[in-house]
Structure formats: structure tokens, C-alpha cells
Amino acid sequence: MKKLIQPDSFLTLHYRIATDKGEELVSTFGLSPATLLMGSGQLSAGLEHCLLGLVEGERRVFDLEPEEAFGLVNPALIKRIALSALPEGMELKENSLIEFTTPEGQSFSGFLRELTDTHGLFDFNHPLSGKAIRFEAEILSIL
């Protein structure tokens, strides 16, 4: 009997994430396969949900609405921040991903959408939030 992917499975797979229009964003096909521990946050909860119950050797394609994939855009995660509040010497370039570090040493990213002489408009939503995607997975092994 083939193993089924469970919420705590460790697995090896190939996967592809594309826009609903077919523009490929990430793919391991043709490269080394990925390994992941379900429930560890390596994939979004929506993508992990698609994998549950699949078996070794199975290949599936899932068309996901934004709510099922990376969520809707949360306006509360778009912040206008005074440049004077940012660390000195931070390199800021409009339309780029900026890394931040909390006082506790954790890091996170924000997309700099606009830059003025006094403020930056940062978007801390996942880059794929608000987008419908196509998720393809081929399960190579379940440990």
C-alpha cells in the first residue's frame, strides 16, 4: 500500500508555482527535487493543504484562488514609514525588497513601493498575496 501525505509527513517532490495565466514563478522540475516537512512553514498552508492525501508517484495540478494560496492583500500590512525611523545607511531603492531586522534579531522583508524625500511606502504582504496561482506537484517519496 502506498503512503499518503499526512500533516506531519517528510517528503521529496518536484513543484511548480505559476500565475493563473501560466507565467512560471518557481519550479524544481529539471532541477534537484525539494524536500520539506509538512507543517513547518516551508510552503504556505494553502499549498500544503493541496498535498494532503497524495501518494508517492502522484502528479497533480491545482488552480487556487488568492484566498486558497497566499491570501488576500491586507491593507494593514502596507505602511508609510518615515526615513528618519529607519536604520542609518539602509540602502533604499523603489520597487525592491528591503530586509529588516527586529531588536530581537528576527528578520522580515518589505517591498518598497514608493520613496519620497521623507517617507517610504512598504508592503509587508507576501509577494503572491492577492494572486490566483497554479500549483503543480509530483510526489517522489514520502518518508
N, C-alpha and C. Protein backbone atom coordinates (compact mmCIF):
# COMPACT_ATOMS: atom_id res chain seq x y z
N MET A 1 0.85 -1.19 0.00
CA MET A 1 0.00 0.00 0.00
C MET A 1 0.89 1.25 0.00
N LYS A 2 0.57 2.21 -0.86
CA LYS A 2 1.36 3.45 -0.96
C LYS A 2 1.07 4.35 0.24
N LYS A 3 2.12 5.08 0.64
CA LYS A 3 1.95 6.03 1.75
C LYS A 3 1.19 7.26 1.28
N LEU A 4 0.37 7.80 2.16
CA LEU A 4 -0.35 9.05 1.92
C LEU A 4 0.36 10.18 2.64
N ILE A 5 0.34 11.36 2.05
CA ILE A 5 0.90 12.52 2.73
C ILE A 5 -0.02 12.90 3.89
N GLN A 6 0.58 13.00 5.07
CA GLN A 6 -0.12 13.37 6.30
C GLN A 6 0.34 14.78 6.72
N PRO A 7 -0.33 15.40 7.69
CA PRO A 7 0.05 16.76 8.12
C PRO A 7 1.48 16.87 8.66
N ASP A 8 2.11 15.74 9.06
CA ASP A 8 3.48 15.78 9.59
C ASP A 8 4.47 15.00 8.74
N SER A 9 4.10 14.69 7.48
CA SER A 9 4.98 13.91 6.60
C SER A 9 6.22 14.68 6.19
N PHE A 10 7.29 13.94 5.96
CA PHE A 10 8.52 14.47 5.37
C PHE A 10 8.53 13.94 3.95
N LEU A 11 8.66 14.80 2.96
CA LEU A 11 8.55 14.31 1.59
C LEU A 11 9.54 14.97 0.65
N THR A 12 9.74 14.29 -0.48
CA THR A 12 10.56 14.80 -1.57
C THR A 12 9.62 14.96 -2.76
N LEU A 13 9.71 16.10 -3.42
CA LEU A 13 8.79 16.38 -4.51
C LEU A 13 9.39 17.37 -5.50
N HIS A 14 8.80 17.40 -6.66
CA HIS A 14 9.02 18.49 -7.61
C HIS A 14 7.76 19.33 -7.55
N TYR A 15 7.92 20.65 -7.67
CA TYR A 15 6.74 21.51 -7.71
C TYR A 15 6.98 22.73 -8.59
N ARG A 16 5.88 23.28 -9.04
CA ARG A 16 5.92 24.47 -9.87
C ARG A 16 4.80 25.39 -9.38
N ILE A 17 5.12 26.67 -9.25
CA ILE A 17 4.12 27.69 -8.93
C ILE A 17 4.13 28.67 -10.10
N ALA A 18 2.95 28.88 -10.67
CA ALA A 18 2.81 29.79 -11.81
C ALA A 18 1.59 30.67 -11.57
N THR A 19 1.53 31.76 -12.30
CA THR A 19 0.33 32.59 -12.23
C THR A 19 -0.80 31.83 -12.92
N ASP A 20 -2.01 32.28 -12.72
CA ASP A 20 -3.15 31.63 -13.40
C ASP A 20 -3.09 31.85 -14.91
N LYS A 21 -2.22 32.75 -15.36
CA LYS A 21 -2.02 32.99 -16.80
C LYS A 21 -0.89 32.11 -17.37
N GLY A 22 -0.24 31.32 -16.48
CA GLY A 22 0.80 30.40 -16.94
C GLY A 22 2.23 30.90 -16.79
N GLU A 23 2.43 32.11 -16.27
CA GLU A 23 3.79 32.64 -16.07
C GLU A 23 4.44 31.89 -14.90
N GLU A 24 5.52 31.15 -15.20
CA GLU A 24 6.19 30.36 -14.16
C GLU A 24 6.95 31.28 -13.20
N LEU A 25 6.73 31.07 -11.90
CA LEU A 25 7.38 31.87 -10.87
C LEU A 25 8.48 31.09 -10.18
N VAL A 26 8.22 29.82 -9.88
CA VAL A 26 9.18 28.95 -9.19
C VAL A 26 8.97 27.54 -9.72
N SER A 27 10.07 26.81 -9.97
CA SER A 27 9.93 25.42 -10.39
C SER A 27 11.18 24.64 -10.01
N THR A 28 10.96 23.40 -9.53
CA THR A 28 12.08 22.49 -9.28
C THR A 28 12.18 21.45 -10.38
N PHE A 29 11.20 21.40 -11.29
CA PHE A 29 11.25 20.44 -12.39
C PHE A 29 12.49 20.74 -13.23
N GLY A 30 13.27 19.72 -13.54
CA GLY A 30 14.51 19.90 -14.28
C GLY A 30 15.69 20.25 -13.38
N LEU A 31 15.42 20.40 -12.09
CA LEU A 31 16.46 20.69 -11.10
C LEU A 31 16.40 19.61 -10.03
N SER A 32 17.15 19.79 -8.96
CA SER A 32 17.05 18.85 -7.84
C SER A 32 15.68 18.99 -7.20
N PRO A 33 15.07 17.89 -6.75
CA PRO A 33 13.78 17.99 -6.09
C PRO A 33 13.89 18.68 -4.74
N ALA A 34 12.76 19.15 -4.25
CA ALA A 34 12.70 19.79 -2.94
C ALA A 34 12.35 18.75 -1.89
N THR A 35 12.79 18.99 -0.68
CA THR A 35 12.37 18.17 0.46
C THR A 35 11.71 19.12 1.45
N LEU A 36 10.65 18.65 2.08
CA LEU A 36 10.00 19.51 3.05
C LEU A 36 9.30 18.69 4.11
N LEU A 37 9.17 19.30 5.26
CA LEU A 37 8.43 18.74 6.37
C LEU A 37 7.10 19.47 6.42
N MET A 38 6.03 18.73 6.23
CA MET A 38 4.70 19.34 6.26
C MET A 38 4.49 20.00 7.62
N GLY A 39 3.85 21.15 7.61
CA GLY A 39 3.55 21.86 8.84
C GLY A 39 4.68 22.74 9.36
N SER A 40 5.81 22.78 8.63
CA SER A 40 6.95 23.56 9.11
C SER A 40 6.97 24.98 8.56
N GLY A 41 6.05 25.30 7.66
CA GLY A 41 6.00 26.64 7.10
C GLY A 41 6.84 26.81 5.85
N GLN A 42 7.42 25.74 5.32
CA GLN A 42 8.22 25.85 4.10
C GLN A 42 7.35 26.19 2.90
N LEU A 43 6.11 25.72 2.91
CA LEU A 43 5.11 26.09 1.90
C LEU A 43 3.96 26.76 2.63
N SER A 44 3.19 27.56 1.90
CA SER A 44 2.02 28.17 2.54
C SER A 44 1.04 27.08 2.95
N ALA A 45 0.21 27.39 3.92
CA ALA A 45 -0.78 26.43 4.41
C ALA A 45 -1.70 25.97 3.28
N GLY A 46 -2.05 26.87 2.37
CA GLY A 46 -2.91 26.52 1.25
C GLY A 46 -2.27 25.51 0.32
N LEU A 47 -0.97 25.67 0.05
CA LEU A 47 -0.27 24.73 -0.82
C LEU A 47 -0.11 23.38 -0.12
N GLU A 48 0.20 23.41 1.17
CA GLU A 48 0.31 22.16 1.93
C GLU A 48 -1.02 21.41 1.93
N HIS A 49 -2.11 22.14 2.06
CA HIS A 49 -3.43 21.52 2.07
C HIS A 49 -3.67 20.73 0.78
N CYS A 50 -3.18 21.25 -0.35
CA CYS A 50 -3.31 20.55 -1.64
C CYS A 50 -2.59 19.21 -1.62
N LEU A 51 -1.48 19.13 -0.90
CA LEU A 51 -0.66 17.92 -0.89
C LEU A 51 -1.24 16.81 -0.01
N LEU A 52 -2.04 17.16 0.98
CA LEU A 52 -2.57 16.15 1.91
C LEU A 52 -3.33 15.06 1.16
N GLY A 53 -3.00 13.82 1.47
CA GLY A 53 -3.69 12.68 0.87
C GLY A 53 -3.10 12.20 -0.44
N LEU A 54 -2.15 12.96 -1.02
CA LEU A 54 -1.50 12.48 -2.25
C LEU A 54 -0.58 11.31 -1.91
N VAL A 55 -0.27 10.48 -2.91
CA VAL A 55 0.57 9.30 -2.70
C VAL A 55 1.85 9.42 -3.53
N GLU A 56 2.85 8.62 -3.17
CA GLU A 56 4.10 8.58 -3.93
C GLU A 56 3.80 8.32 -5.40
N GLY A 57 4.48 9.06 -6.26
CA GLY A 57 4.31 8.90 -7.70
C GLY A 57 3.19 9.72 -8.29
N GLU A 58 2.36 10.31 -7.46
CA GLU A 58 1.22 11.09 -7.96
C GLU A 58 1.67 12.47 -8.42
N ARG A 59 1.09 12.94 -9.52
CA ARG A 59 1.36 14.29 -10.03
C ARG A 59 0.02 14.96 -10.26
N ARG A 60 -0.14 16.14 -9.66
CA ARG A 60 -1.42 16.86 -9.72
C ARG A 60 -1.18 18.34 -9.98
N VAL A 61 -2.19 18.97 -10.56
CA VAL A 61 -2.19 20.41 -10.79
C VAL A 61 -3.40 21.00 -10.07
N PHE A 62 -3.18 22.07 -9.32
CA PHE A 62 -4.23 22.73 -8.56
C PHE A 62 -4.32 24.19 -9.00
N ASP A 63 -5.52 24.65 -9.32
CA ASP A 63 -5.76 26.06 -9.61
C ASP A 63 -6.37 26.66 -8.35
N LEU A 64 -5.66 27.64 -7.79
CA LEU A 64 -6.05 28.20 -6.49
C LEU A 64 -6.38 29.68 -6.60
N GLU A 65 -7.47 30.05 -5.96
CA GLU A 65 -7.83 31.46 -5.83
C GLU A 65 -6.91 32.08 -4.77
N PRO A 66 -6.78 33.41 -4.76
CA PRO A 66 -5.87 34.05 -3.79
C PRO A 66 -6.09 33.61 -2.35
N GLU A 67 -7.36 33.46 -1.94
CA GLU A 67 -7.66 33.09 -0.56
C GLU A 67 -7.10 31.70 -0.22
N GLU A 68 -7.01 30.82 -1.21
CA GLU A 68 -6.54 29.45 -1.00
C GLU A 68 -5.03 29.34 -1.10
N ALA A 69 -4.38 30.31 -1.73
CA ALA A 69 -2.95 30.23 -1.99
C ALA A 69 -2.14 31.03 -0.96
N PHE A 70 -1.98 32.32 -1.19
CA PHE A 70 -1.16 33.14 -0.29
C PHE A 70 -1.97 34.24 0.39
N GLY A 71 -3.29 34.15 0.27
CA GLY A 71 -4.16 35.11 0.95
C GLY A 71 -4.41 36.37 0.14
N LEU A 72 -5.35 37.13 0.63
CA LEU A 72 -5.67 38.42 0.02
C LEU A 72 -4.68 39.47 0.51
N VAL A 73 -4.58 40.54 -0.22
CA VAL A 73 -3.73 41.66 0.21
C VAL A 73 -4.36 42.27 1.46
N ASN A 74 -3.58 42.40 2.51
CA ASN A 74 -4.04 43.00 3.76
C ASN A 74 -3.57 44.46 3.80
N PRO A 75 -4.48 45.42 3.66
CA PRO A 75 -4.08 46.83 3.66
C PRO A 75 -3.33 47.24 4.92
N ALA A 76 -3.57 46.56 6.04
CA ALA A 76 -2.88 46.90 7.29
C ALA A 76 -1.38 46.58 7.22
N LEU A 77 -0.99 45.78 6.23
CA LEU A 77 0.43 45.42 6.08
C LEU A 77 1.16 46.33 5.09
N ILE A 78 0.49 47.41 4.69
CA ILE A 78 1.12 48.43 3.83
C ILE A 78 1.31 49.66 4.71
N LYS A 79 2.57 50.01 4.95
CA LYS A 79 2.90 51.06 5.93
C LYS A 79 3.75 52.16 5.31
N ARG A 80 3.41 53.39 5.64
CA ARG A 80 4.26 54.54 5.28
C ARG A 80 5.17 54.78 6.48
N ILE A 81 6.48 54.69 6.24
CA ILE A 81 7.45 54.79 7.34
C ILE A 81 8.39 55.97 7.06
N ALA A 82 8.58 56.79 8.08
CA ALA A 82 9.50 57.93 7.97
C ALA A 82 10.91 57.41 7.78
N LEU A 83 11.64 57.98 6.85
CA LEU A 83 13.02 57.56 6.60
C LEU A 83 13.87 57.76 7.85
N SER A 84 13.52 58.76 8.66
CA SER A 84 14.28 59.02 9.89
C SER A 84 14.13 57.88 10.90
N ALA A 85 13.09 57.04 10.74
CA ALA A 85 12.87 55.92 11.66
C ALA A 85 13.62 54.66 11.22
N LEU A 86 14.21 54.69 10.04
CA LEU A 86 14.92 53.52 9.52
C LEU A 86 16.39 53.57 9.93
N PRO A 87 17.06 52.41 9.98
CA PRO A 87 18.48 52.39 10.34
C PRO A 87 19.31 53.25 9.39
N GLU A 88 20.28 53.93 9.95
CA GLU A 88 21.17 54.77 9.14
C GLU A 88 21.92 53.91 8.14
N GLY A 89 22.06 54.43 6.92
CA GLY A 89 22.83 53.72 5.90
C GLY A 89 22.06 52.63 5.17
N MET A 90 20.79 52.44 5.51
CA MET A 90 19.99 51.43 4.83
C MET A 90 19.83 51.83 3.37
N GLU A 91 20.17 50.92 2.45
CA GLU A 91 20.06 51.22 1.02
C GLU A 91 18.60 51.06 0.59
N LEU A 92 18.02 52.13 0.09
CA LEU A 92 16.61 52.13 -0.30
C LEU A 92 16.49 52.38 -1.79
N LYS A 93 15.80 51.49 -2.47
CA LYS A 93 15.56 51.65 -3.90
C LYS A 93 14.12 51.27 -4.17
N GLU A 94 13.38 52.17 -4.83
CA GLU A 94 11.98 51.91 -5.13
C GLU A 94 11.84 50.62 -5.93
N ASN A 95 10.74 49.87 -5.67
CA ASN A 95 10.46 48.59 -6.33
C ASN A 95 11.49 47.52 -6.02
N SER A 96 11.97 47.53 -4.79
CA SER A 96 12.91 46.48 -4.37
C SER A 96 12.48 45.92 -3.01
N LEU A 97 12.97 44.73 -2.72
CA LEU A 97 12.69 44.06 -1.47
C LEU A 97 13.72 44.52 -0.44
N ILE A 98 13.26 45.00 0.70
CA ILE A 98 14.14 45.53 1.74
C ILE A 98 14.06 44.59 2.95
N GLU A 99 15.22 44.20 3.46
CA GLU A 99 15.28 43.33 4.65
C GLU A 99 15.33 44.18 5.91
N PHE A 100 14.54 43.78 6.89
CA PHE A 100 14.51 44.44 8.19
C PHE A 100 14.88 43.43 9.26
N THR A 101 15.46 43.91 10.36
CA THR A 101 15.76 43.06 11.49
C THR A 101 15.14 43.68 12.73
N THR A 102 14.40 42.87 13.49
CA THR A 102 13.78 43.36 14.72
C THR A 102 14.85 43.46 15.81
N PRO A 103 14.57 44.19 16.89
CA PRO A 103 15.52 44.25 18.00
C PRO A 103 15.84 42.86 18.58
N GLU A 104 14.91 41.90 18.39
CA GLU A 104 15.12 40.53 18.89
C GLU A 104 15.96 39.69 17.92
N GLY A 105 16.33 40.28 16.76
CA GLY A 105 17.17 39.57 15.80
C GLY A 105 16.42 38.83 14.71
N GLN A 106 15.09 38.89 14.71
CA GLN A 106 14.32 38.24 13.64
C GLN A 106 14.35 39.13 12.41
N SER A 107 14.33 38.49 11.22
CA SER A 107 14.32 39.31 10.00
C SER A 107 13.04 39.08 9.21
N PHE A 108 12.65 40.10 8.48
CA PHE A 108 11.48 40.05 7.62
C PHE A 108 11.70 41.03 6.48
N SER A 109 10.89 40.91 5.44
CA SER A 109 11.07 41.73 4.24
C SER A 109 9.84 42.57 3.95
N GLY A 110 10.09 43.68 3.32
CA GLY A 110 9.02 44.55 2.84
C GLY A 110 9.37 45.05 1.46
N PHE A 111 8.38 45.17 0.61
CA PHE A 111 8.59 45.67 -0.75
C PHE A 111 8.42 47.18 -0.73
N LEU A 112 9.44 47.90 -1.15
CA LEU A 112 9.39 49.37 -1.16
C LEU A 112 8.67 49.83 -2.42
N ARG A 113 7.44 50.25 -2.26
CA ARG A 113 6.60 50.64 -3.41
C ARG A 113 6.85 52.09 -3.85
N GLU A 114 7.02 52.98 -2.89
CA GLU A 114 7.23 54.41 -3.20
C GLU A 114 8.30 54.96 -2.27
N LEU A 115 9.05 55.91 -2.77
CA LEU A 115 10.09 56.55 -1.97
C LEU A 115 10.04 58.05 -2.21
N THR A 116 9.91 58.82 -1.11
CA THR A 116 9.97 60.28 -1.21
C THR A 116 11.19 60.73 -0.42
N ASP A 117 11.36 62.03 -0.30
CA ASP A 117 12.49 62.57 0.47
C ASP A 117 12.34 62.28 1.96
N THR A 118 11.11 62.04 2.41
CA THR A 118 10.89 61.89 3.85
C THR A 118 10.33 60.52 4.27
N HIS A 119 9.68 59.79 3.33
CA HIS A 119 9.00 58.54 3.69
C HIS A 119 9.19 57.45 2.64
N GLY A 120 8.98 56.23 3.08
CA GLY A 120 8.91 55.09 2.17
C GLY A 120 7.59 54.38 2.39
N LEU A 121 6.97 53.90 1.31
CA LEU A 121 5.75 53.12 1.42
C LEU A 121 6.13 51.65 1.24
N PHE A 122 6.01 50.89 2.33
CA PHE A 122 6.43 49.49 2.35
C PHE A 122 5.22 48.56 2.37
N ASP A 123 5.30 47.50 1.59
CA ASP A 123 4.25 46.48 1.55
C ASP A 123 4.84 45.20 2.16
N PHE A 124 4.28 44.79 3.30
CA PHE A 124 4.77 43.61 4.02
C PHE A 124 3.91 42.37 3.73
N ASN A 125 3.01 42.44 2.75
CA ASN A 125 2.25 41.27 2.32
C ASN A 125 3.18 40.31 1.57
N HIS A 126 2.82 39.03 1.52
CA HIS A 126 3.56 38.08 0.70
C HIS A 126 3.49 38.58 -0.75
N PRO A 127 4.58 38.47 -1.51
CA PRO A 127 4.56 38.97 -2.90
C PRO A 127 3.46 38.34 -3.77
N LEU A 128 3.00 37.13 -3.42
CA LEU A 128 1.95 36.49 -4.22
C LEU A 128 0.55 36.65 -3.61
N SER A 129 0.44 37.42 -2.52
CA SER A 129 -0.90 37.63 -1.95
C SER A 129 -1.75 38.39 -2.97
N GLY A 130 -3.02 38.02 -3.00
CA GLY A 130 -3.95 38.66 -3.93
C GLY A 130 -3.91 38.09 -5.33
N LYS A 131 -3.09 37.05 -5.56
CA LYS A 131 -2.96 36.48 -6.90
C LYS A 131 -3.49 35.05 -6.94
N ALA A 132 -4.20 34.73 -8.02
CA ALA A 132 -4.61 33.35 -8.28
C ALA A 132 -3.39 32.64 -8.86
N ILE A 133 -3.16 31.40 -8.45
CA ILE A 133 -1.98 30.68 -8.93
C ILE A 133 -2.34 29.26 -9.36
N ARG A 134 -1.42 28.67 -10.12
CA ARG A 134 -1.48 27.26 -10.49
C ARG A 134 -0.31 26.58 -9.79
N PHE A 135 -0.61 25.56 -9.01
CA PHE A 135 0.38 24.81 -8.22
C PHE A 135 0.41 23.39 -8.75
N GLU A 136 1.57 22.96 -9.22
CA GLU A 136 1.75 21.60 -9.73
C GLU A 136 2.73 20.88 -8.83
N ALA A 137 2.41 19.66 -8.46
CA ALA A 137 3.29 18.88 -7.58
C ALA A 137 3.40 17.45 -8.07
N GLU A 138 4.61 16.91 -8.03
CA GLU A 138 4.87 15.50 -8.31
C GLU A 138 5.54 14.93 -7.07
N ILE A 139 4.89 13.97 -6.41
CA ILE A 139 5.39 13.41 -5.16
C ILE A 139 6.36 12.28 -5.50
N LEU A 140 7.63 12.46 -5.12
CA LEU A 140 8.65 11.46 -5.42
C LEU A 140 8.75 10.43 -4.31
N SER A 141 8.76 10.89 -3.06
CA SER A 141 8.81 9.94 -1.94
C SER A 141 8.24 10.57 -0.68
N ILE A 142 7.71 9.71 0.18
CA ILE A 142 7.18 10.14 1.47
C ILE A 142 7.92 9.30 2.52
N LEU A 143 8.61 9.97 3.42
CA LEU A 143 9.40 9.26 4.42
C LEU A 143 8.65 9.10 5.73
